[in-house]
Amino acid sequence: MSDIETKEQAGRRTNVLVLEYELDAPPEKVWRAISIPSLREKWLPKGSLAGAEPVSSKPGEEIRYGMRETEPPFLDSVVTFQLSPNATGGTRLRIVHGLTDARQWLRPRSAANGNAVCSLRAA
């Protein structure tokens, strides 16, 4: 399941992409796959993260990494992996990816003429 949410963060709106997965593997195994760099690099391309170290971590529950786009405009974002056990002994993995770069809120300037349809009337 995926969803786009709008959240209030530090007094400003933030759009986030939310993905949820039900995995057969137990939470301990999934935690190792997302928190140990040598295992993480097997499924997350090297260079995707802004740094190898997490921004924050609650062992076994949640880990956050900073990301930076590799192409212009090089926006910064944070991806959060949240784990919880499910009823079948597997893992519910929730991935929340939100832009943190202030440049995303800069609005392009509107055209001087407003791009509105102009209608003229003959007398």
PDB file of N, CA and C in Angstrom:
ATOM      1  N   MET A   1       0.834  -1.170   0.000  1.00  0.00           N
ATOM      2  CA  MET A   1       0.000   0.000   0.000  1.00  0.00           C
ATOM      3  C   MET A   1       0.884   1.240   0.000  1.00  0.00           C
ATOM      4  N   SER A   2       0.507   2.222  -0.732  1.00  0.00           N
ATOM      5  CA  SER A   2       1.235   3.478  -0.701  1.00  0.00           C
ATOM      6  C   SER A   2       0.229   4.606  -0.572  1.00  0.00           C
ATOM      7  N   ASP A   3       0.711   5.698  -0.031  1.00  0.00           N
ATOM      8  CA  ASP A   3      -0.172   6.822   0.207  1.00  0.00           C
ATOM      9  C   ASP A   3       0.690   8.070   0.254  1.00  0.00           C
ATOM     10  N   ILE A   4       0.111   9.178  -0.107  1.00  0.00           N
ATOM     11  CA  ILE A   4       0.809  10.455   0.031  1.00  0.00           C
ATOM     12  C   ILE A   4       0.057  11.235   1.082  1.00  0.00           C
ATOM     13  N   GLU A   5       0.760  11.638   2.103  1.00  0.00           N
ATOM     14  CA  GLU A   5       0.156  12.364   3.206  1.00  0.00           C
ATOM     15  C   GLU A   5       0.734  13.772   3.250  1.00  0.00           C
ATOM     16  N   THR A   6      -0.031  14.672   3.797  1.00  0.00           N
ATOM     17  CA  THR A   6       0.477  16.006   4.065  1.00  0.00           C
ATOM     18  C   THR A   6       0.527  16.151   5.571  1.00  0.00           C
ATOM     19  N   LYS A   7       1.693  16.431   6.107  1.00  0.00           N
ATOM     20  CA  LYS A   7       1.867  16.546   7.542  1.00  0.00           C
ATOM     21  C   LYS A   7       2.336  17.951   7.890  1.00  0.00           C
ATOM     22  N   GLU A   8       2.052  18.345   9.093  1.00  0.00           N
ATOM     23  CA  GLU A   8       2.540  19.613   9.620  1.00  0.00           C
ATOM     24  C   GLU A   8       3.832  19.296  10.351  1.00  0.00           C
ATOM     25  N   GLN A   9       4.929  19.875   9.927  1.00  0.00           N
ATOM     26  CA  GLN A   9       6.214  19.587  10.526  1.00  0.00           C
ATOM     27  C   GLN A   9       6.944  20.897  10.765  1.00  0.00           C
ATOM     28  N   ALA A  10       7.233  21.163  12.025  1.00  0.00           N
ATOM     29  CA  ALA A  10       7.931  22.394  12.406  1.00  0.00           C
ATOM     30  C   ALA A  10       7.249  23.622  11.822  1.00  0.00           C
ATOM     31  N   GLY A  11       5.906  23.628  11.860  1.00  0.00           N
ATOM     32  CA  GLY A  11       5.164  24.797  11.431  1.00  0.00           C
ATOM     33  C   GLY A  11       4.991  24.943   9.936  1.00  0.00           C
ATOM     34  N   ARG A  12       5.401  23.940   9.145  1.00  0.00           N
ATOM     35  CA  ARG A  12       5.219  24.039   7.698  1.00  0.00           C
ATOM     36  C   ARG A  12       4.712  22.705   7.158  1.00  0.00           C
ATOM     37  N   ARG A  13       4.026  22.759   6.038  1.00  0.00           N
ATOM     38  CA  ARG A  13       3.477  21.558   5.421  1.00  0.00           C
ATOM     39  C   ARG A  13       4.581  20.742   4.775  1.00  0.00           C
ATOM     40  N   THR A  14       4.452  19.431   4.873  1.00  0.00           N
ATOM     41  CA  THR A  14       5.417  18.534   4.265  1.00  0.00           C
ATOM     42  C   THR A  14       4.663  17.406   3.579  1.00  0.00           C
ATOM     43  N   ASN A  15       4.953  17.153   2.326  1.00  0.00           N
ATOM     44  CA  ASN A  15       4.374  16.021   1.624  1.00  0.00           C
ATOM     45  C   ASN A  15       5.285  14.824   1.822  1.00  0.00           C
ATOM     46  N   VAL A  16       4.686  13.696   2.173  1.00  0.00           N
ATOM     47  CA  VAL A  16       5.463  12.482   2.380  1.00  0.00           C
ATOM     48  C   VAL A  16       4.836  11.335   1.599  1.00  0.00           C
ATOM     49  N   LEU A  17       5.670  10.434   1.162  1.00  0.00           N
ATOM     50  CA  LEU A  17       5.234   9.220   0.505  1.00  0.00           C
ATOM     51  C   LEU A  17       5.315   8.105   1.542  1.00  0.00           C
ATOM     52  N   VAL A  18       4.224   7.367   1.720  1.00  0.00           N
ATOM     53  CA  VAL A  18       4.176   6.300   2.712  1.00  0.00           C
ATOM     54  C   VAL A  18       3.936   4.971   2.002  1.00  0.00           C
ATOM     55  N   LEU A  19       4.825   4.016   2.243  1.00  0.00           N
ATOM     56  CA  LEU A  19       4.707   2.673   1.675  1.00  0.00           C
ATOM     57  C   LEU A  19       4.633   1.680   2.832  1.00  0.00           C
ATOM     58  N   GLU A  20       3.732   0.713   2.751  1.00  0.00           N
ATOM     59  CA  GLU A  20       3.616  -0.293   3.800  1.00  0.00           C
ATOM     60  C   GLU A  20       3.709  -1.684   3.175  1.00  0.00           C
ATOM     61  N   TYR A  21       4.485  -2.547   3.830  1.00  0.00           N
ATOM     62  CA  TYR A  21       4.698  -3.904   3.342  1.00  0.00           C
ATOM     63  C   TYR A  21       4.521  -4.898   4.478  1.00  0.00           C
ATOM     64  N   GLU A  22       3.977  -6.066   4.162  1.00  0.00           N
ATOM     65  CA  GLU A  22       3.908  -7.195   5.082  1.00  0.00           C
ATOM     66  C   GLU A  22       4.965  -8.188   4.618  1.00  0.00           C
ATOM     67  N   LEU A  23       5.961  -8.442   5.466  1.00  0.00           N
ATOM     68  CA  LEU A  23       7.071  -9.327   5.106  1.00  0.00           C
ATOM     69  C   LEU A  23       6.995 -10.624   5.913  1.00  0.00           C
ATOM     70  N   ASP A  24       7.462 -11.720   5.322  1.00  0.00           N
ATOM     71  CA  ASP A  24       7.474 -13.004   6.014  1.00  0.00           C
ATOM     72  C   ASP A  24       8.585 -13.096   7.051  1.00  0.00           C
ATOM     73  N   ALA A  25       9.647 -12.346   6.875  1.00  0.00           N
ATOM     74  CA  ALA A  25      10.806 -12.406   7.770  1.00  0.00           C
ATOM     75  C   ALA A  25      10.485 -11.783   9.129  1.00  0.00           C
ATOM     76  N   PRO A  26      11.096 -12.301  10.198  1.00  0.00           N
ATOM     77  CA  PRO A  26      10.864 -11.728  11.527  1.00  0.00           C
ATOM     78  C   PRO A  26      11.491 -10.338  11.639  1.00  0.00           C
ATOM     79  N   PRO A  27      10.978  -9.506  12.550  1.00  0.00           N
ATOM     80  CA  PRO A  27      11.491  -8.131  12.694  1.00  0.00           C
ATOM     81  C   PRO A  27      12.999  -8.045  12.920  1.00  0.00           C
ATOM     82  N   GLU A  28      13.575  -8.984  13.649  1.00  0.00           N
ATOM     83  CA  GLU A  28      15.023  -8.943  13.922  1.00  0.00           C
ATOM     84  C   GLU A  28      15.834  -9.039  12.627  1.00  0.00           C
ATOM     85  N   LYS A  29      15.380  -9.886  11.718  1.00  0.00           N
ATOM     86  CA  LYS A  29      16.084 -10.062  10.442  1.00  0.00           C
ATOM     87  C   LYS A  29      15.930  -8.819   9.566  1.00  0.00           C
ATOM     88  N   VAL A  30      14.731  -8.258   9.526  1.00  0.00           N
ATOM     89  CA  VAL A  30      14.493  -7.042   8.745  1.00  0.00           C
ATOM     90  C   VAL A  30      15.312  -5.890   9.324  1.00  0.00           C
ATOM     91  N   TRP A  31      15.384  -5.795  10.647  1.00  0.00           N
ATOM     92  CA  TRP A  31      16.164  -4.732  11.296  1.00  0.00           C
ATOM     93  C   TRP A  31      17.624  -4.807  10.854  1.00  0.00           C
ATOM     94  N   ARG A  32      18.185  -6.016  10.842  1.00  0.00           N
ATOM     95  CA  ARG A  32      19.580  -6.154  10.412  1.00  0.00           C
ATOM     96  C   ARG A  32      19.751  -5.696   8.966  1.00  0.00           C
ATOM     97  N   ALA A  33      18.787  -6.025   8.110  1.00  0.00           N
ATOM     98  CA  ALA A  33      18.881  -5.670   6.686  1.00  0.00           C
ATOM     99  C   ALA A  33      18.844  -4.166   6.449  1.00  0.00           C
ATOM    100  N   ILE A  34      18.172  -3.421   7.331  1.00  0.00           N
ATOM    101  CA  ILE A  34      18.099  -1.967   7.127  1.00  0.00           C
ATOM    102  C   ILE A  34      19.108  -1.188   7.961  1.00  0.00           C
ATOM    103  N   SER A  35      19.705  -1.821   8.978  1.00  0.00           N
ATOM    104  CA  SER A  35      20.586  -1.067   9.866  1.00  0.00           C
ATOM    105  C   SER A  35      22.072  -1.390   9.720  1.00  0.00           C
ATOM    106  N   ILE A  36      22.416  -2.541   9.178  1.00  0.00           N
ATOM    107  CA  ILE A  36      23.826  -2.915   9.006  1.00  0.00           C
ATOM    108  C   ILE A  36      24.252  -2.525   7.584  1.00  0.00           C
ATOM    109  N   PRO A  37      25.233  -1.614   7.462  1.00  0.00           N
ATOM    110  CA  PRO A  37      25.605  -1.092   6.138  1.00  0.00           C
ATOM    111  C   PRO A  37      25.917  -2.160   5.089  1.00  0.00           C
ATOM    112  N   SER A  38      26.654  -3.199   5.441  1.00  0.00           N
ATOM    113  CA  SER A  38      27.015  -4.210   4.434  1.00  0.00           C
ATOM    114  C   SER A  38      25.783  -4.973   3.929  1.00  0.00           C
ATOM    115  N   LEU A  39      24.777  -5.161   4.771  1.00  0.00           N
ATOM    116  CA  LEU A  39      23.540  -5.810   4.343  1.00  0.00           C
ATOM    117  C   LEU A  39      22.632  -4.832   3.606  1.00  0.00           C
ATOM    118  N   ARG A  40      22.605  -3.594   4.074  1.00  0.00           N
ATOM    119  CA  ARG A  40      21.748  -2.568   3.459  1.00  0.00           C
ATOM    120  C   ARG A  40      22.170  -2.306   2.016  1.00  0.00           C
ATOM    121  N   GLU A  41      23.461  -2.337   1.738  1.00  0.00           N
ATOM    122  CA  GLU A  41      23.953  -2.049   0.387  1.00  0.00           C
ATOM    123  C   GLU A  41      23.557  -3.116  -0.630  1.00  0.00           C
ATOM    124  N   LYS A  42      23.089  -4.276  -0.170  1.00  0.00           N
ATOM    125  CA  LYS A  42      22.643  -5.317  -1.086  1.00  0.00           C
ATOM    126  C   LYS A  42      21.304  -4.986  -1.728  1.00  0.00           C
ATOM    127  N   TRP A  43      20.496  -4.151  -1.069  1.00  0.00           N
ATOM    128  CA  TRP A  43      19.184  -3.823  -1.632  1.00  0.00           C
ATOM    129  C   TRP A  43      18.976  -2.331  -1.834  1.00  0.00           C
ATOM    130  N   LEU A  44      19.763  -1.510  -1.184  1.00  0.00           N
ATOM    131  CA  LEU A  44      19.677  -0.053  -1.361  1.00  0.00           C
ATOM    132  C   LEU A  44      20.948   0.406  -2.061  1.00  0.00           C
ATOM    133  N   PRO A  45      20.837   0.951  -3.269  1.00  0.00           N
ATOM    134  CA  PRO A  45      22.034   1.317  -4.031  1.00  0.00           C
ATOM    135  C   PRO A  45      22.979   2.232  -3.259  1.00  0.00           C
ATOM    136  N   LYS A  46      24.263   1.936  -3.369  1.00  0.00           N
ATOM    137  CA  LYS A  46      25.287   2.753  -2.723  1.00  0.00           C
ATOM    138  C   LYS A  46      25.206   4.171  -3.275  1.00  0.00           C
ATOM    139  N   GLY A  47      25.318   5.152  -2.428  1.00  0.00           N
ATOM    140  CA  GLY A  47      25.229   6.536  -2.854  1.00  0.00           C
ATOM    141  C   GLY A  47      23.823   7.103  -2.742  1.00  0.00           C
ATOM    142  N   SER A  48      22.836   6.257  -2.429  1.00  0.00           N
ATOM    143  CA  SER A  48      21.466   6.754  -2.269  1.00  0.00           C
ATOM    144  C   SER A  48      21.327   7.580  -1.000  1.00  0.00           C
ATOM    145  N   LEU A  49      22.110   7.251   0.006  1.00  0.00           N
ATOM    146  CA  LEU A  49      22.030   7.959   1.283  1.00  0.00           C
ATOM    147  C   LEU A  49      23.027   9.107   1.315  1.00  0.00           C
ATOM    148  N   ALA A  50      22.661  10.164   2.034  1.00  0.00           N
ATOM    149  CA  ALA A  50      23.558  11.314   2.175  1.00  0.00           C
ATOM    150  C   ALA A  50      24.757  10.947   3.047  1.00  0.00           C
ATOM    151  N   GLY A  51      24.592   9.969   3.928  1.00  0.00           N
ATOM    152  CA  GLY A  51      25.665   9.493   4.789  1.00  0.00           C
ATOM    153  C   GLY A  51      25.370   8.073   5.225  1.00  0.00           C
ATOM    154  N   ALA A  52      26.407   7.324   5.601  1.00  0.00           N
ATOM    155  CA  ALA A  52      26.212   5.926   5.990  1.00  0.00           C
ATOM    156  C   ALA A  52      25.539   5.798   7.354  1.00  0.00           C
ATOM    157  N   GLU A  53      25.731   6.804   8.193  1.00  0.00           N
ATOM    158  CA  GLU A  53      25.165   6.757   9.544  1.00  0.00           C
ATOM    159  C   GLU A  53      23.728   7.265   9.545  1.00  0.00           C
ATOM    160  N   PRO A  54      22.876   6.656  10.357  1.00  0.00           N
ATOM    161  CA  PRO A  54      21.489   7.127  10.430  1.00  0.00           C
ATOM    162  C   PRO A  54      21.383   8.483  11.108  1.00  0.00           C
ATOM    163  N   VAL A  55      20.334   9.227  10.761  1.00  0.00           N
ATOM    164  CA  VAL A  55      20.041  10.508  11.401  1.00  0.00           C
ATOM    165  C   VAL A  55      19.563  10.256  12.827  1.00  0.00           C
ATOM    166  N   SER A  56      18.723   9.226  12.993  1.00  0.00           N
ATOM    167  CA  SER A  56      18.255   8.812  14.307  1.00  0.00           C
ATOM    168  C   SER A  56      17.874   7.345  14.250  1.00  0.00           C
ATOM    169  N   SER A  57      17.803   6.727  15.436  1.00  0.00           N
ATOM    170  CA  SER A  57      17.492   5.308  15.485  1.00  0.00           C
ATOM    171  C   SER A  57      16.868   4.942  16.824  1.00  0.00           C
ATOM    172  N   LYS A  58      15.833   4.114  16.781  1.00  0.00           N
ATOM    173  CA  LYS A  58      15.251   3.457  17.949  1.00  0.00           C
ATOM    174  C   LYS A  58      15.424   1.970  17.663  1.00  0.00           C
ATOM    175  N   PRO A  59      16.471   1.351  18.206  1.00  0.00           N
ATOM    176  CA  PRO A  59      16.815  -0.022  17.842  1.00  0.00           C
ATOM    177  C   PRO A  59      15.613  -0.978  17.835  1.00  0.00           C
ATOM    178  N   GLY A  60      15.500  -1.689  16.715  1.00  0.00           N
ATOM    179  CA  GLY A  60      14.443  -2.666  16.549  1.00  0.00           C
ATOM    180  C   GLY A  60      13.098  -2.093  16.139  1.00  0.00           C
ATOM    181  N   GLU A  61      12.956  -0.753  16.136  1.00  0.00           N
ATOM    182  CA  GLU A  61      11.666  -0.132  15.840  1.00  0.00           C
ATOM    183  C   GLU A  61      11.693   0.829  14.662  1.00  0.00           C
ATOM    184  N   GLU A  62      12.683   1.726  14.646  1.00  0.00           N
ATOM    185  CA  GLU A  62      12.690   2.792  13.637  1.00  0.00           C
ATOM    186  C   GLU A  62      14.112   3.270  13.388  1.00  0.00           C
ATOM    187  N   ILE A  63      14.396   3.556  12.123  1.00  0.00           N
ATOM    188  CA  ILE A  63      15.695   4.140  11.763  1.00  0.00           C
ATOM    189  C   ILE A  63      15.461   5.144  10.639  1.00  0.00           C
ATOM    190  N   ARG A  64      16.167   6.294  10.716  1.00  0.00           N
ATOM    191  CA  ARG A  64      16.023   7.370   9.719  1.00  0.00           C
ATOM    192  C   ARG A  64      17.371   7.658   9.076  1.00  0.00           C
ATOM    193  N   TYR A  65      17.314   7.822   7.760  1.00  0.00           N
ATOM    194  CA  TYR A  65      18.511   8.169   6.998  1.00  0.00           C
ATOM    195  C   TYR A  65      18.257   9.428   6.188  1.00  0.00           C
ATOM    196  N   GLY A  66      19.279  10.253   6.064  1.00  0.00           N
ATOM    197  CA  GLY A  66      19.215  11.404   5.177  1.00  0.00           C
ATOM    198  C   GLY A  66      19.522  10.961   3.761  1.00  0.00           C
ATOM    199  N   MET A  67      18.838  11.562   2.805  1.00  0.00           N
ATOM    200  CA  MET A  67      19.076  11.250   1.392  1.00  0.00           C
ATOM    201  C   MET A  67      19.270  12.550   0.618  1.00  0.00           C
ATOM    202  N   ARG A  68      19.993  12.457  -0.484  1.00  0.00           N
ATOM    203  CA  ARG A  68      20.172  13.606  -1.368  1.00  0.00           C
ATOM    204  C   ARG A  68      20.092  13.104  -2.801  1.00  0.00           C
ATOM    205  N   GLU A  69      19.299  13.788  -3.605  1.00  0.00           N
ATOM    206  CA  GLU A  69      19.182  13.408  -5.014  1.00  0.00           C
ATOM    207  C   GLU A  69      20.531  13.516  -5.700  1.00  0.00           C
ATOM    208  N   THR A  70      20.754  12.654  -6.671  1.00  0.00           N
ATOM    209  CA  THR A  70      22.032  12.651  -7.389  1.00  0.00           C
ATOM    210  C   THR A  70      21.992  13.515  -8.640  1.00  0.00           C
ATOM    211  N   GLU A  71      20.804  14.052  -8.951  1.00  0.00           N
ATOM    212  CA  GLU A  71      20.663  14.926 -10.116  1.00  0.00           C
ATOM    213  C   GLU A  71      20.020  16.235  -9.678  1.00  0.00           C
ATOM    214  N   PRO A  72      20.249  17.310 -10.452  1.00  0.00           N
ATOM    215  CA  PRO A  72      19.649  18.590 -10.090  1.00  0.00           C
ATOM    216  C   PRO A  72      18.148  18.466  -9.928  1.00  0.00           C
ATOM    217  N   PRO A  73      17.572  19.110  -8.964  1.00  0.00           N
ATOM    218  CA  PRO A  73      18.075  20.183  -8.116  1.00  0.00           C
ATOM    219  C   PRO A  73      18.725  19.714  -6.821  1.00  0.00           C
ATOM    220  N   PHE A  74      19.085  18.417  -6.679  1.00  0.00           N
ATOM    221  CA  PHE A  74      19.795  17.876  -5.517  1.00  0.00           C
ATOM    222  C   PHE A  74      19.039  18.145  -4.205  1.00  0.00           C
ATOM    223  N   LEU A  75      17.760  17.818  -4.171  1.00  0.00           N
ATOM    224  CA  LEU A  75      16.950  18.058  -2.975  1.00  0.00           C
ATOM    225  C   LEU A  75      17.303  17.070  -1.866  1.00  0.00           C
ATOM    226  N   ASP A  76      17.206  17.549  -0.618  1.00  0.00           N
ATOM    227  CA  ASP A  76      17.443  16.712   0.553  1.00  0.00           C
ATOM    228  C   ASP A  76      16.125  16.127   1.039  1.00  0.00           C
ATOM    229  N   SER A  77      16.195  14.915   1.574  1.00  0.00           N
ATOM    230  CA  SER A  77      15.007  14.271   2.116  1.00  0.00           C
ATOM    231  C   SER A  77      15.416  13.339   3.244  1.00  0.00           C
ATOM    232  N   VAL A  78      14.417  12.823   3.953  1.00  0.00           N
ATOM    233  CA  VAL A  78      14.643  11.849   5.019  1.00  0.00           C
ATOM    234  C   VAL A  78      13.744  10.655   4.744  1.00  0.00           C
ATOM    235  N   VAL A  79      14.323   9.455   4.831  1.00  0.00           N
ATOM    236  CA  VAL A  79      13.531   8.235   4.700  1.00  0.00           C
ATOM    237  C   VAL A  79      13.552   7.526   6.055  1.00  0.00           C
ATOM    238  N   THR A  80      12.367   7.145   6.526  1.00  0.00           N
ATOM    239  CA  THR A  80      12.209   6.492   7.826  1.00  0.00           C
ATOM    240  C   THR A  80      11.681   5.083   7.607  1.00  0.00           C
ATOM    241  N   PHE A  81      12.357   4.123   8.210  1.00  0.00           N
ATOM    242  CA  PHE A  81      11.914   2.727   8.170  1.00  0.00           C
ATOM    243  C   PHE A  81      11.363   2.387   9.551  1.00  0.00           C
ATOM    244  N   GLN A  82      10.089   2.008   9.603  1.00  0.00           N
ATOM    245  CA  GLN A  82       9.441   1.661  10.864  1.00  0.00           C
ATOM    246  C   GLN A  82       9.054   0.188  10.815  1.00  0.00           C
ATOM    247  N   LEU A  83       9.415  -0.560  11.871  1.00  0.00           N
ATOM    248  CA  LEU A  83       9.145  -1.989  11.933  1.00  0.00           C
ATOM    249  C   LEU A  83       8.216  -2.314  13.089  1.00  0.00           C
ATOM    250  N   SER A  84       7.338  -3.272  12.852  1.00  0.00           N
ATOM    251  CA  SER A  84       6.523  -3.809  13.938  1.00  0.00           C
ATOM    252  C   SER A  84       6.173  -5.256  13.577  1.00  0.00           C
ATOM    253  N   PRO A  85       6.058  -6.111  14.598  1.00  0.00           N
ATOM    254  CA  PRO A  85       5.698  -7.500  14.306  1.00  0.00           C
ATOM    255  C   PRO A  85       4.251  -7.579  13.828  1.00  0.00           C
ATOM    256  N   ASN A  86       3.970  -8.532  12.934  1.00  0.00           N
ATOM    257  CA  ASN A  86       2.589  -8.729  12.507  1.00  0.00           C
ATOM    258  C   ASN A  86       2.050 -10.020  13.134  1.00  0.00           C
ATOM    259  N   ALA A  87       0.796 -10.334  12.886  1.00  0.00           N
ATOM    260  CA  ALA A  87       0.122 -11.458  13.530  1.00  0.00           C
ATOM    261  C   ALA A  87       0.678 -12.820  13.119  1.00  0.00           C
ATOM    262  N   THR A  88       1.359 -12.899  11.978  1.00  0.00           N
ATOM    263  CA  THR A  88       1.854 -14.187  11.482  1.00  0.00           C
ATOM    264  C   THR A  88       3.312 -14.451  11.844  1.00  0.00           C
ATOM    265  N   GLY A  89       3.907 -13.606  12.662  1.00  0.00           N
ATOM    266  CA  GLY A  89       5.311 -13.771  13.036  1.00  0.00           C
ATOM    267  C   GLY A  89       6.268 -13.063  12.100  1.00  0.00           C
ATOM    268  N   GLY A  90       5.724 -12.404  11.102  1.00  0.00           N
ATOM    269  CA  GLY A  90       6.538 -11.636  10.165  1.00  0.00           C
ATOM    270  C   GLY A  90       6.668 -10.188  10.622  1.00  0.00           C
ATOM    271  N   THR A  91       6.873  -9.307   9.649  1.00  0.00           N
ATOM    272  CA  THR A  91       7.129  -7.902   9.943  1.00  0.00           C
ATOM    273  C   THR A  91       6.248  -7.002   9.102  1.00  0.00           C
ATOM    274  N   ARG A  92       5.718  -5.976   9.728  1.00  0.00           N
ATOM    275  CA  ARG A  92       5.061  -4.887   8.993  1.00  0.00           C
ATOM    276  C   ARG A  92       6.124  -3.795   8.862  1.00  0.00           C
ATOM    277  N   LEU A  93       6.503  -3.520   7.619  1.00  0.00           N
ATOM    278  CA  LEU A  93       7.513  -2.494   7.331  1.00  0.00           C
ATOM    279  C   LEU A  93       6.812  -1.286   6.743  1.00  0.00           C
ATOM    280  N   ARG A  94       6.995  -0.154   7.384  1.00  0.00           N
ATOM    281  CA  ARG A  94       6.417   1.112   6.914  1.00  0.00           C
ATOM    282  C   ARG A  94       7.581   2.021   6.541  1.00  0.00           C
ATOM    283  N   ILE A  95       7.578   2.492   5.299  1.00  0.00           N
ATOM    284  CA  ILE A  95       8.630   3.387   4.813  1.00  0.00           C
ATOM    285  C   ILE A  95       7.996   4.746   4.567  1.00  0.00           C
ATOM    286  N   VAL A  96       8.531   5.765   5.226  1.00  0.00           N
ATOM    287  CA  VAL A  96       8.019   7.131   5.084  1.00  0.00           C
ATOM    288  C   VAL A  96       9.139   7.974   4.496  1.00  0.00           C
ATOM    289  N   HIS A  97       8.899   8.533   3.300  1.00  0.00           N
ATOM    290  CA  HIS A  97       9.916   9.337   2.620  1.00  0.00           C
ATOM    291  C   HIS A  97       9.378  10.748   2.445  1.00  0.00           C
ATOM    292  N   GLY A  98      10.040  11.711   3.068  1.00  0.00           N
ATOM    293  CA  GLY A  98       9.589  13.092   3.001  1.00  0.00           C
ATOM    294  C   GLY A  98      10.704  14.052   2.635  1.00  0.00           C
ATOM    295  N   LEU A  99      10.387  15.008   1.781  1.00  0.00           N
ATOM    296  CA  LEU A  99      11.363  16.041   1.425  1.00  0.00           C
ATOM    297  C   LEU A  99      11.548  16.984   2.599  1.00  0.00           C
ATOM    298  N   THR A 100      12.795  17.332   2.875  1.00  0.00           N
ATOM    299  CA  THR A 100      13.098  18.273   3.946  1.00  0.00           C
ATOM    300  C   THR A 100      13.740  19.547   3.412  1.00  0.00           C
ATOM    301  N   ASP A 101      14.033  19.557   2.129  1.00  0.00           N
ATOM    302  CA  ASP A 101      14.700  20.699   1.511  1.00  0.00           C
ATOM    303  C   ASP A 101      13.737  21.875   1.392  1.00  0.00           C
ATOM    304  N   ALA A 102      14.124  23.018   1.931  1.00  0.00           N
ATOM    305  CA  ALA A 102      13.265  24.205   1.910  1.00  0.00           C
ATOM    306  C   ALA A 102      12.979  24.688   0.493  1.00  0.00           C
ATOM    307  N   ARG A 103      13.836  24.342  -0.459  1.00  0.00           N
ATOM    308  CA  ARG A 103      13.626  24.799  -1.837  1.00  0.00           C
ATOM    309  C   ARG A 103      12.365  24.225  -2.460  1.00  0.00           C
ATOM    310  N   GLN A 104      11.834  23.137  -1.912  1.00  0.00           N
ATOM    311  CA  GLN A 104      10.620  22.566  -2.479  1.00  0.00           C
ATOM    312  C   GLN A 104       9.428  23.498  -2.325  1.00  0.00           C
ATOM    313  N   TRP A 105       9.509  24.420  -1.382  1.00  0.00           N
ATOM    314  CA  TRP A 105       8.383  25.317  -1.115  1.00  0.00           C
ATOM    315  C   TRP A 105       8.484  26.620  -1.888  1.00  0.00           C
ATOM    316  N   LEU A 106       9.578  26.826  -2.603  1.00  0.00           N
ATOM    317  CA  LEU A 106       9.702  28.029  -3.407  1.00  0.00           C
ATOM    318  C   LEU A 106       8.781  27.905  -4.605  1.00  0.00           C
ATOM    319  N   ARG A 107       7.934  28.869  -4.783  1.00  0.00           N
ATOM    320  CA  ARG A 107       6.992  28.822  -5.895  1.00  0.00           C
ATOM    321  C   ARG A 107       7.584  29.552  -7.095  1.00  0.00           C
ATOM    322  N   PRO A 108       7.389  28.984  -8.267  1.00  0.00           N
ATOM    323  CA  PRO A 108       7.869  29.690  -9.455  1.00  0.00           C
ATOM    324  C   PRO A 108       7.077  30.978  -9.644  1.00  0.00           C
ATOM    325  N   ARG A 109       7.741  31.957 -10.141  1.00  0.00           N
ATOM    326  CA  ARG A 109       7.070  33.244 -10.372  1.00  0.00           C
ATOM    327  C   ARG A 109       6.045  33.081 -11.483  1.00  0.00           C
ATOM    328  N   SER A 110       4.908  33.707 -11.290  1.00  0.00           N
ATOM    329  CA  SER A 110       3.892  33.646 -12.331  1.00  0.00           C
ATOM    330  C   SER A 110       4.233  34.655 -13.425  1.00  0.00           C
ATOM    331  N   ALA A 111       3.726  34.389 -14.581  1.00  0.00           N
ATOM    332  CA  ALA A 111       3.986  35.261 -15.717  1.00  0.00           C
ATOM    333  C   ALA A 111       3.368  36.633 -15.473  1.00  0.00           C
ATOM    334  N   ALA A 112       3.957  37.634 -16.078  1.00  0.00           N
ATOM    335  CA  ALA A 112       3.483  39.012 -15.894  1.00  0.00           C
ATOM    336  C   ALA A 112       2.044  39.186 -16.361  1.00  0.00           C
ATOM    337  N   ASN A 113       1.663  38.440 -17.377  1.00  0.00           N
ATOM    338  CA  ASN A 113       0.300  38.582 -17.881  1.00  0.00           C
ATOM    339  C   ASN A 113      -0.676  37.631 -17.192  1.00  0.00           C
ATOM    340  N   GLY A 114      -0.204  36.837 -16.272  1.00  0.00           N
ATOM    341  CA  GLY A 114      -1.063  35.948 -15.523  1.00  0.00           C
ATOM    342  C   GLY A 114      -1.514  34.715 -16.296  1.00  0.00           C
ATOM    343  N   ASN A 115      -1.115  34.600 -17.547  1.00  0.00           N
ATOM    344  CA  ASN A 115      -1.492  33.471 -18.392  1.00  0.00           C
ATOM    345  C   ASN A 115      -2.995  33.250 -18.476  1.00  0.00           C
ATOM    346  N   ALA A 116      -3.767  34.278 -18.251  1.00  0.00           N
ATOM    347  CA  ALA A 116      -5.218  34.162 -18.325  1.00  0.00           C
ATOM    348  C   ALA A 116      -5.673  34.335 -19.781  1.00  0.00           C
ATOM    349  N   VAL A 117      -6.816  33.739 -20.079  1.00  0.00           N
ATOM    350  CA  VAL A 117      -7.380  33.891 -21.415  1.00  0.00           C
ATOM    351  C   VAL A 117      -7.886  35.322 -21.572  1.00  0.00           C
ATOM    352  N   CYS A 118      -7.479  35.921 -22.621  1.00  0.00           N
ATOM    353  CA  CYS A 118      -7.872  37.326 -22.869  1.00  0.00           C
ATOM    354  C   CYS A 118      -9.002  37.328 -23.886  1.00  0.00           C
ATOM    355  N   SER A 119     -10.073  38.002 -23.575  1.00  0.00           N
ATOM    356  CA  SER A 119     -11.153  38.094 -24.561  1.00  0.00           C
ATOM    357  C   SER A 119     -11.427  39.574 -24.831  1.00  0.00           C
ATOM    358  N   LEU A 120     -11.533  39.882 -26.091  1.00  0.00           N
ATOM    359  CA  LEU A 120     -11.809  41.253 -26.505  1.00  0.00           C
ATOM    360  C   LEU A 120     -13.211  41.324 -27.057  1.00  0.00           C
ATOM    361  N   ARG A 121     -13.855  42.446 -26.790  1.00  0.00           N
ATOM    362  CA  ARG A 121     -15.202  42.632 -27.317  1.00  0.00           C
ATOM    363  C   ARG A 121     -15.183  43.782 -28.333  1.00  0.00           C
ATOM    364  N   ALA A 122     -15.854  43.534 -29.404  1.00  0.00           N
ATOM    365  CA  ALA A 122     -15.957  44.585 -30.440  1.00  0.00           C
ATOM    366  C   ALA A 122     -17.132  45.486 -30.103  1.00  0.00           C
ATOM    367  N   ALA A 123     -16.984  46.781 -30.380  1.00  0.00           N
ATOM    368  CA  ALA A 123     -18.050  47.722 -30.082  1.00  0.00           C
ATOM    369  C   ALA A 123     -19.037  47.848 -31.196  1.00  0.00           C
TER     370      ALA A 123
END
